[in-house]
Amino acid sequence: MARVDKMIDARRLLCPLPVIRTQDAVSDMQPGQLLRVRATDPGAKNDIPAWCRIHGHTVESIEEAGEEILITVRVGEP
């Protein structure tokens, strides 16, 4: 796996908070950097990729480990 530039913990947060935390984290990152989001809300598997598509970011991977969901986002151009 590629080196992650920033990691956020959105575990135990319900929609829309994982997306809001993702948006806040991406706002001070550079294009091409990787963000890893740790979440437990099952909706994050759909909500974060949808937000990424709208805003020009790319979901590199979605992994599940028990109840935890790990989403890796590559930051796109502003």
PDB file of N, CA and C in Angstrom:
ATOM      1  N   MET A   1       0.839  -1.183   0.000  1.00  0.00           N
ATOM      2  CA  MET A   1       0.000   0.000   0.000  1.00  0.00           C
ATOM      3  C   MET A   1       0.878   1.239   0.000  1.00  0.00           C
ATOM      4  N   ALA A   2       0.427   2.267  -0.677  1.00  0.00           N
ATOM      5  CA  ALA A   2       1.147   3.530  -0.748  1.00  0.00           C
ATOM      6  C   ALA A   2       1.124   4.235   0.607  1.00  0.00           C
ATOM      7  N   ARG A   3       2.081   5.112   0.794  1.00  0.00           N
ATOM      8  CA  ARG A   3       2.169   5.888   2.027  1.00  0.00           C
ATOM      9  C   ARG A   3       0.967   6.827   2.129  1.00  0.00           C
ATOM     10  N   VAL A   4       0.350   6.860   3.289  1.00  0.00           N
ATOM     11  CA  VAL A   4      -0.802   7.728   3.533  1.00  0.00           C
ATOM     12  C   VAL A   4      -0.281   9.039   4.127  1.00  0.00           C
ATOM     13  N   ASP A   5      -0.737  10.167   3.582  1.00  0.00           N
ATOM     14  CA  ASP A   5      -0.274  11.475   4.041  1.00  0.00           C
ATOM     15  C   ASP A   5      -1.030  11.983   5.263  1.00  0.00           C
ATOM     16  N   LYS A   6      -2.272  11.581   5.403  1.00  0.00           N
ATOM     17  CA  LYS A   6      -3.082  12.020   6.542  1.00  0.00           C
ATOM     18  C   LYS A   6      -4.107  10.942   6.841  1.00  0.00           C
ATOM     19  N   MET A   7      -4.407  10.773   8.137  1.00  0.00           N
ATOM     20  CA  MET A   7      -5.419   9.799   8.537  1.00  0.00           C
ATOM     21  C   MET A   7      -6.405  10.492   9.465  1.00  0.00           C
ATOM     22  N   ILE A   8      -7.695  10.233   9.250  1.00  0.00           N
ATOM     23  CA  ILE A   8      -8.705  10.782  10.155  1.00  0.00           C
ATOM     24  C   ILE A   8      -9.529   9.649  10.752  1.00  0.00           C
ATOM     25  N   ASP A   9      -9.983   9.878  11.960  1.00  0.00           N
ATOM     26  CA  ASP A   9     -10.781   8.892  12.680  1.00  0.00           C
ATOM     27  C   ASP A   9     -12.229   9.374  12.718  1.00  0.00           C
ATOM     28  N   ALA A  10     -13.072   8.732  11.934  1.00  0.00           N
ATOM     29  CA  ALA A  10     -14.500   9.062  11.913  1.00  0.00           C
ATOM     30  C   ALA A  10     -15.314   7.912  12.496  1.00  0.00           C
ATOM     31  N   ARG A  11     -14.657   7.067  13.285  1.00  0.00           N
ATOM     32  CA  ARG A  11     -15.371   5.957  13.913  1.00  0.00           C
ATOM     33  C   ARG A  11     -16.399   6.492  14.898  1.00  0.00           C
ATOM     34  N   ARG A  12     -17.492   5.775  14.999  1.00  0.00           N
ATOM     35  CA  ARG A  12     -18.612   6.095  15.897  1.00  0.00           C
ATOM     36  C   ARG A  12     -19.335   7.383  15.510  1.00  0.00           C
ATOM     37  N   LEU A  13     -19.047   7.928  14.332  1.00  0.00           N
ATOM     38  CA  LEU A  13     -19.763   9.103  13.837  1.00  0.00           C
ATOM     39  C   LEU A  13     -20.757   8.657  12.780  1.00  0.00           C
ATOM     40  N   LEU A  14     -21.941   9.242  12.802  1.00  0.00           N
ATOM     41  CA  LEU A  14     -22.975   8.889  11.832  1.00  0.00           C
ATOM     42  C   LEU A  14     -23.063   9.955  10.750  1.00  0.00           C
ATOM     43  N   CYS A  15     -23.671   9.576   9.643  1.00  0.00           N
ATOM     44  CA  CYS A  15     -23.871  10.458   8.504  1.00  0.00           C
ATOM     45  C   CYS A  15     -24.532  11.746   8.966  1.00  0.00           C
ATOM     46  N   PRO A  16     -24.060  12.861   8.521  1.00  0.00           N
ATOM     47  CA  PRO A  16     -23.075  13.134   7.474  1.00  0.00           C
ATOM     48  C   PRO A  16     -21.669  13.410   7.992  1.00  0.00           C
ATOM     49  N   LEU A  17     -21.407  13.147   9.284  1.00  0.00           N
ATOM     50  CA  LEU A  17     -20.124  13.545   9.867  1.00  0.00           C
ATOM     51  C   LEU A  17     -18.892  12.922   9.215  1.00  0.00           C
ATOM     52  N   PRO A  18     -18.890  11.631   8.813  1.00  0.00           N
ATOM     53  CA  PRO A  18     -17.691  11.125   8.135  1.00  0.00           C
ATOM     54  C   PRO A  18     -17.361  11.894   6.850  1.00  0.00           C
ATOM     55  N   VAL A  19     -18.386  12.302   6.109  1.00  0.00           N
ATOM     56  CA  VAL A  19     -18.156  13.074   4.881  1.00  0.00           C
ATOM     57  C   VAL A  19     -17.641  14.469   5.231  1.00  0.00           C
ATOM     58  N   ILE A  20     -18.200  15.085   6.250  1.00  0.00           N
ATOM     59  CA  ILE A  20     -17.758  16.419   6.656  1.00  0.00           C
ATOM     60  C   ILE A  20     -16.308  16.375   7.120  1.00  0.00           C
ATOM     61  N   ARG A  21     -15.949  15.364   7.898  1.00  0.00           N
ATOM     62  CA  ARG A  21     -14.555  15.231   8.348  1.00  0.00           C
ATOM     63  C   ARG A  21     -13.624  14.999   7.161  1.00  0.00           C
ATOM     64  N   THR A  22     -14.086  14.225   6.180  1.00  0.00           N
ATOM     65  CA  THR A  22     -13.291  13.999   4.966  1.00  0.00           C
ATOM     66  C   THR A  22     -13.087  15.314   4.229  1.00  0.00           C
ATOM     67  N   GLN A  23     -14.149  16.067   4.061  1.00  0.00           N
ATOM     68  CA  GLN A  23     -14.070  17.360   3.376  1.00  0.00           C
ATOM     69  C   GLN A  23     -13.101  18.299   4.097  1.00  0.00           C
ATOM     70  N   ASP A  24     -13.182  18.364   5.413  1.00  0.00           N
ATOM     71  CA  ASP A  24     -12.289  19.229   6.183  1.00  0.00           C
ATOM     72  C   ASP A  24     -10.831  18.808   6.018  1.00  0.00           C
ATOM     73  N   ALA A  25     -10.576  17.506   6.043  1.00  0.00           N
ATOM     74  CA  ALA A  25      -9.203  17.010   5.915  1.00  0.00           C
ATOM     75  C   ALA A  25      -8.629  17.306   4.540  1.00  0.00           C
ATOM     76  N   VAL A  26      -9.423  17.096   3.499  1.00  0.00           N
ATOM     77  CA  VAL A  26      -8.964  17.299   2.122  1.00  0.00           C
ATOM     78  C   VAL A  26      -8.667  18.775   1.854  1.00  0.00           C
ATOM     79  N   SER A  27      -9.354  19.670   2.549  1.00  0.00           N
ATOM     80  CA  SER A  27      -9.234  21.101   2.253  1.00  0.00           C
ATOM     81  C   SER A  27      -7.824  21.647   2.455  1.00  0.00           C
ATOM     82  N   ASP A  28      -7.026  21.016   3.308  1.00  0.00           N
ATOM     83  CA  ASP A  28      -5.657  21.503   3.492  1.00  0.00           C
ATOM     84  C   ASP A  28      -4.606  20.508   2.985  1.00  0.00           C
ATOM     85  N   MET A  29      -5.009  19.652   2.046  1.00  0.00           N
ATOM     86  CA  MET A  29      -4.080  18.701   1.434  1.00  0.00           C
ATOM     87  C   MET A  29      -3.791  19.110  -0.005  1.00  0.00           C
ATOM     88  N   GLN A  30      -2.687  18.583  -0.535  1.00  0.00           N
ATOM     89  CA  GLN A  30      -2.267  18.882  -1.901  1.00  0.00           C
ATOM     90  C   GLN A  30      -2.772  17.798  -2.857  1.00  0.00           C
ATOM     91  N   PRO A  31      -3.011  18.157  -4.127  1.00  0.00           N
ATOM     92  CA  PRO A  31      -3.403  17.145  -5.115  1.00  0.00           C
ATOM     93  C   PRO A  31      -2.383  16.001  -5.161  1.00  0.00           C
ATOM     94  N   GLY A  32      -2.907  14.784  -5.226  1.00  0.00           N
ATOM     95  CA  GLY A  32      -2.057  13.595  -5.277  1.00  0.00           C
ATOM     96  C   GLY A  32      -1.795  12.971  -3.924  1.00  0.00           C
ATOM     97  N   GLN A  33      -2.018  13.713  -2.847  1.00  0.00           N
ATOM     98  CA  GLN A  33      -1.801  13.151  -1.521  1.00  0.00           C
ATOM     99  C   GLN A  33      -2.905  12.154  -1.192  1.00  0.00           C
ATOM    100  N   LEU A  34      -2.601  11.259  -0.246  1.00  0.00           N
ATOM    101  CA  LEU A  34      -3.552  10.221   0.152  1.00  0.00           C
ATOM    102  C   LEU A  34      -4.092  10.476   1.551  1.00  0.00           C
ATOM    103  N   LEU A  35      -5.400  10.334   1.677  1.00  0.00           N
ATOM    104  CA  LEU A  35      -6.100  10.449   2.947  1.00  0.00           C
ATOM    105  C   LEU A  35      -6.714   9.100   3.267  1.00  0.00           C
ATOM    106  N   ARG A  36      -6.527   8.646   4.493  1.00  0.00           N
ATOM    107  CA  ARG A  36      -7.181   7.412   4.939  1.00  0.00           C
ATOM    108  C   ARG A  36      -8.231   7.786   5.969  1.00  0.00           C
ATOM    109  N   VAL A  37      -9.465   7.326   5.736  1.00  0.00           N
ATOM    110  CA  VAL A  37     -10.591   7.591   6.635  1.00  0.00           C
ATOM    111  C   VAL A  37     -10.956   6.288   7.329  1.00  0.00           C
ATOM    112  N   ARG A  38     -10.997   6.320   8.654  1.00  0.00           N
ATOM    113  CA  ARG A  38     -11.453   5.174   9.441  1.00  0.00           C
ATOM    114  C   ARG A  38     -12.869   5.483   9.897  1.00  0.00           C
ATOM    115  N   ALA A  39     -13.815   4.638   9.527  1.00  0.00           N
ATOM    116  CA  ALA A  39     -15.224   4.876   9.858  1.00  0.00           C
ATOM    117  C   ALA A  39     -15.884   3.576  10.303  1.00  0.00           C
ATOM    118  N   THR A  40     -17.006   3.725  10.978  1.00  0.00           N
ATOM    119  CA  THR A  40     -17.810   2.552  11.348  1.00  0.00           C
ATOM    120  C   THR A  40     -19.231   2.656  10.809  1.00  0.00           C
ATOM    121  N   ASP A  41     -19.622   3.827  10.335  1.00  0.00           N
ATOM    122  CA  ASP A  41     -20.957   4.011   9.755  1.00  0.00           C
ATOM    123  C   ASP A  41     -21.002   3.313   8.393  1.00  0.00           C
ATOM    124  N   PRO A  42     -21.851   2.285   8.217  1.00  0.00           N
ATOM    125  CA  PRO A  42     -21.901   1.573   6.937  1.00  0.00           C
ATOM    126  C   PRO A  42     -22.179   2.487   5.742  1.00  0.00           C
ATOM    127  N   GLY A  43     -22.877   3.589   5.970  1.00  0.00           N
ATOM    128  CA  GLY A  43     -23.166   4.521   4.889  1.00  0.00           C
ATOM    129  C   GLY A  43     -21.929   5.185   4.314  1.00  0.00           C
ATOM    130  N   ALA A  44     -20.846   5.205   5.075  1.00  0.00           N
ATOM    131  CA  ALA A  44     -19.607   5.838   4.602  1.00  0.00           C
ATOM    132  C   ALA A  44     -19.079   5.163   3.340  1.00  0.00           C
ATOM    133  N   LYS A  45     -19.368   3.867   3.172  1.00  0.00           N
ATOM    134  CA  LYS A  45     -18.903   3.140   1.972  1.00  0.00           C
ATOM    135  C   LYS A  45     -19.497   3.719   0.700  1.00  0.00           C
ATOM    136  N   ASN A  46     -20.669   4.309   0.786  1.00  0.00           N
ATOM    137  CA  ASN A  46     -21.310   4.936  -0.372  1.00  0.00           C
ATOM    138  C   ASN A  46     -21.169   6.451  -0.358  1.00  0.00           C
ATOM    139  N   ASP A  47     -21.286   7.046   0.827  1.00  0.00           N
ATOM    140  CA  ASP A  47     -21.308   8.505   0.930  1.00  0.00           C
ATOM    141  C   ASP A  47     -19.971   9.142   0.567  1.00  0.00           C
ATOM    142  N   ILE A  48     -18.875   8.592   1.075  1.00  0.00           N
ATOM    143  CA  ILE A  48     -17.564   9.193   0.793  1.00  0.00           C
ATOM    144  C   ILE A  48     -17.198   9.044  -0.679  1.00  0.00           C
ATOM    145  N   PRO A  49     -17.372   7.869  -1.310  1.00  0.00           N
ATOM    146  CA  PRO A  49     -17.106   7.794  -2.753  1.00  0.00           C
ATOM    147  C   PRO A  49     -17.981   8.745  -3.574  1.00  0.00           C
ATOM    148  N   ALA A  50     -19.248   8.914  -3.194  1.00  0.00           N
ATOM    149  CA  ALA A  50     -20.123   9.841  -3.924  1.00  0.00           C
ATOM    150  C   ALA A  50     -19.608  11.269  -3.786  1.00  0.00           C
ATOM    151  N   TRP A  51     -19.219  11.658  -2.597  1.00  0.00           N
ATOM    152  CA  TRP A  51     -18.668  12.994  -2.380  1.00  0.00           C
ATOM    153  C   TRP A  51     -17.388  13.173  -3.206  1.00  0.00           C
ATOM    154  N   CYS A  52     -16.544  12.141  -3.230  1.00  0.00           N
ATOM    155  CA  CYS A  52     -15.297  12.213  -4.007  1.00  0.00           C
ATOM    156  C   CYS A  52     -15.578  12.420  -5.493  1.00  0.00           C
ATOM    157  N   ARG A  53     -16.523  11.695  -6.043  1.00  0.00           N
ATOM    158  CA  ARG A  53     -16.862  11.850  -7.467  1.00  0.00           C
ATOM    159  C   ARG A  53     -17.308  13.276  -7.778  1.00  0.00           C
ATOM    160  N   ILE A  54     -18.125  13.831  -6.922  1.00  0.00           N
ATOM    161  CA  ILE A  54     -18.640  15.185  -7.133  1.00  0.00           C
ATOM    162  C   ILE A  54     -17.523  16.223  -7.079  1.00  0.00           C
ATOM    163  N   HIS A  55     -16.532  15.990  -6.217  1.00  0.00           N
ATOM    164  CA  HIS A  55     -15.503  17.000  -5.965  1.00  0.00           C
ATOM    165  C   HIS A  55     -14.155  16.699  -6.619  1.00  0.00           C
ATOM    166  N   GLY A  56     -14.094  15.682  -7.474  1.00  0.00           N
ATOM    167  CA  GLY A  56     -12.882  15.432  -8.245  1.00  0.00           C
ATOM    168  C   GLY A  56     -11.784  14.662  -7.539  1.00  0.00           C
ATOM    169  N   HIS A  57     -12.138  13.930  -6.495  1.00  0.00           N
ATOM    170  CA  HIS A  57     -11.169  13.096  -5.790  1.00  0.00           C
ATOM    171  C   HIS A  57     -11.404  11.640  -6.191  1.00  0.00           C
ATOM    172  N   THR A  58     -10.440  10.779  -5.896  1.00  0.00           N
ATOM    173  CA  THR A  58     -10.526   9.378  -6.302  1.00  0.00           C
ATOM    174  C   THR A  58     -10.440   8.473  -5.082  1.00  0.00           C
ATOM    175  N   VAL A  59     -11.344   7.506  -4.984  1.00  0.00           N
ATOM    176  CA  VAL A  59     -11.250   6.491  -3.936  1.00  0.00           C
ATOM    177  C   VAL A  59     -10.306   5.411  -4.441  1.00  0.00           C
ATOM    178  N   GLU A  60      -9.174   5.260  -3.763  1.00  0.00           N
ATOM    179  CA  GLU A  60      -8.171   4.263  -4.135  1.00  0.00           C
ATOM    180  C   GLU A  60      -8.550   2.876  -3.624  1.00  0.00           C
ATOM    181  N   SER A  61      -9.145   2.820  -2.429  1.00  0.00           N
ATOM    182  CA  SER A  61      -9.530   1.516  -1.882  1.00  0.00           C
ATOM    183  C   SER A  61     -10.566   1.689  -0.783  1.00  0.00           C
ATOM    184  N   ILE A  62     -11.353   0.631  -0.614  1.00  0.00           N
ATOM    185  CA  ILE A  62     -12.281   0.514   0.512  1.00  0.00           C
ATOM    186  C   ILE A  62     -12.042  -0.872   1.095  1.00  0.00           C
ATOM    187  N   GLU A  63     -11.646  -0.902   2.361  1.00  0.00           N
ATOM    188  CA  GLU A  63     -11.369  -2.168   3.036  1.00  0.00           C
ATOM    189  C   GLU A  63     -12.264  -2.260   4.267  1.00  0.00           C
ATOM    190  N   GLU A  64     -12.661  -3.471   4.579  1.00  0.00           N
ATOM    191  CA  GLU A  64     -13.459  -3.685   5.778  1.00  0.00           C
ATOM    192  C   GLU A  64     -12.735  -4.652   6.690  1.00  0.00           C
ATOM    193  N   ALA A  65     -12.664  -4.287   7.973  1.00  0.00           N
ATOM    194  CA  ALA A  65     -12.052  -5.134   8.990  1.00  0.00           C
ATOM    195  C   ALA A  65     -13.019  -5.160  10.171  1.00  0.00           C
ATOM    196  N   GLY A  66     -13.832  -6.204  10.229  1.00  0.00           N
ATOM    197  CA  GLY A  66     -14.868  -6.253  11.250  1.00  0.00           C
ATOM    198  C   GLY A  66     -15.873  -5.151  10.989  1.00  0.00           C
ATOM    199  N   GLU A  67     -16.123  -4.320  11.998  1.00  0.00           N
ATOM    200  CA  GLU A  67     -17.063  -3.208  11.838  1.00  0.00           C
ATOM    201  C   GLU A  67     -16.393  -1.962  11.271  1.00  0.00           C
ATOM    202  N   GLU A  68     -15.074  -1.981  11.179  1.00  0.00           N
ATOM    203  CA  GLU A  68     -14.346  -0.799  10.724  1.00  0.00           C
ATOM    204  C   GLU A  68     -14.210  -0.778   9.206  1.00  0.00           C
ATOM    205  N   ILE A  69     -14.387   0.396   8.635  1.00  0.00           N
ATOM    206  CA  ILE A  69     -14.252   0.610   7.195  1.00  0.00           C
ATOM    207  C   ILE A  69     -13.079   1.559   6.995  1.00  0.00           C
ATOM    208  N   LEU A  70     -12.140   1.169   6.128  1.00  0.00           N
ATOM    209  CA  LEU A  70     -10.977   2.001   5.819  1.00  0.00           C
ATOM    210  C   LEU A  70     -11.093   2.449   4.373  1.00  0.00           C
ATOM    211  N   ILE A  71     -11.188   3.743   4.169  1.00  0.00           N
ATOM    212  CA  ILE A  71     -11.347   4.305   2.831  1.00  0.00           C
ATOM    213  C   ILE A  71     -10.134   5.174   2.538  1.00  0.00           C
ATOM    214  N   THR A  72      -9.451   4.880   1.433  1.00  0.00           N
ATOM    215  CA  THR A  72      -8.289   5.665   1.032  1.00  0.00           C
ATOM    216  C   THR A  72      -8.679   6.541  -0.146  1.00  0.00           C
ATOM    217  N   VAL A  73      -8.463   7.842   0.012  1.00  0.00           N
ATOM    218  CA  VAL A  73      -8.858   8.843  -0.981  1.00  0.00           C
ATOM    219  C   VAL A  73      -7.610   9.532  -1.521  1.00  0.00           C
ATOM    220  N   ARG A  74      -7.504   9.615  -2.852  1.00  0.00           N
ATOM    221  CA  ARG A  74      -6.449  10.414  -3.476  1.00  0.00           C
ATOM    222  C   ARG A  74      -7.049  11.778  -3.793  1.00  0.00           C
ATOM    223  N   VAL A  75      -6.414  12.811  -3.262  1.00  0.00           N
ATOM    224  CA  VAL A  75      -6.905  14.175  -3.435  1.00  0.00           C
ATOM    225  C   VAL A  75      -6.714  14.608  -4.885  1.00  0.00           C
ATOM    226  N   GLY A  76      -7.773  15.168  -5.462  1.00  0.00           N
ATOM    227  CA  GLY A  76      -7.730  15.653  -6.833  1.00  0.00           C
ATOM    228  C   GLY A  76      -7.377  17.128  -6.903  1.00  0.00           C
ATOM    229  N   GLU A  77      -7.398  17.660  -8.107  1.00  0.00           N
ATOM    230  CA  GLU A  77      -7.138  19.089  -8.325  1.00  0.00           C
ATOM    231  C   GLU A  77      -8.325  19.898  -7.805  1.00  0.00           C
ATOM    232  N   PRO A  78      -8.054  21.087  -7.266  1.00  0.00           N
ATOM    233  CA  PRO A  78      -9.164  21.913  -6.758  1.00  0.00           C
ATOM    234  C   PRO A  78     -10.077  22.392  -7.865  1.00  0.00           C
TER     235      PRO A  78
END
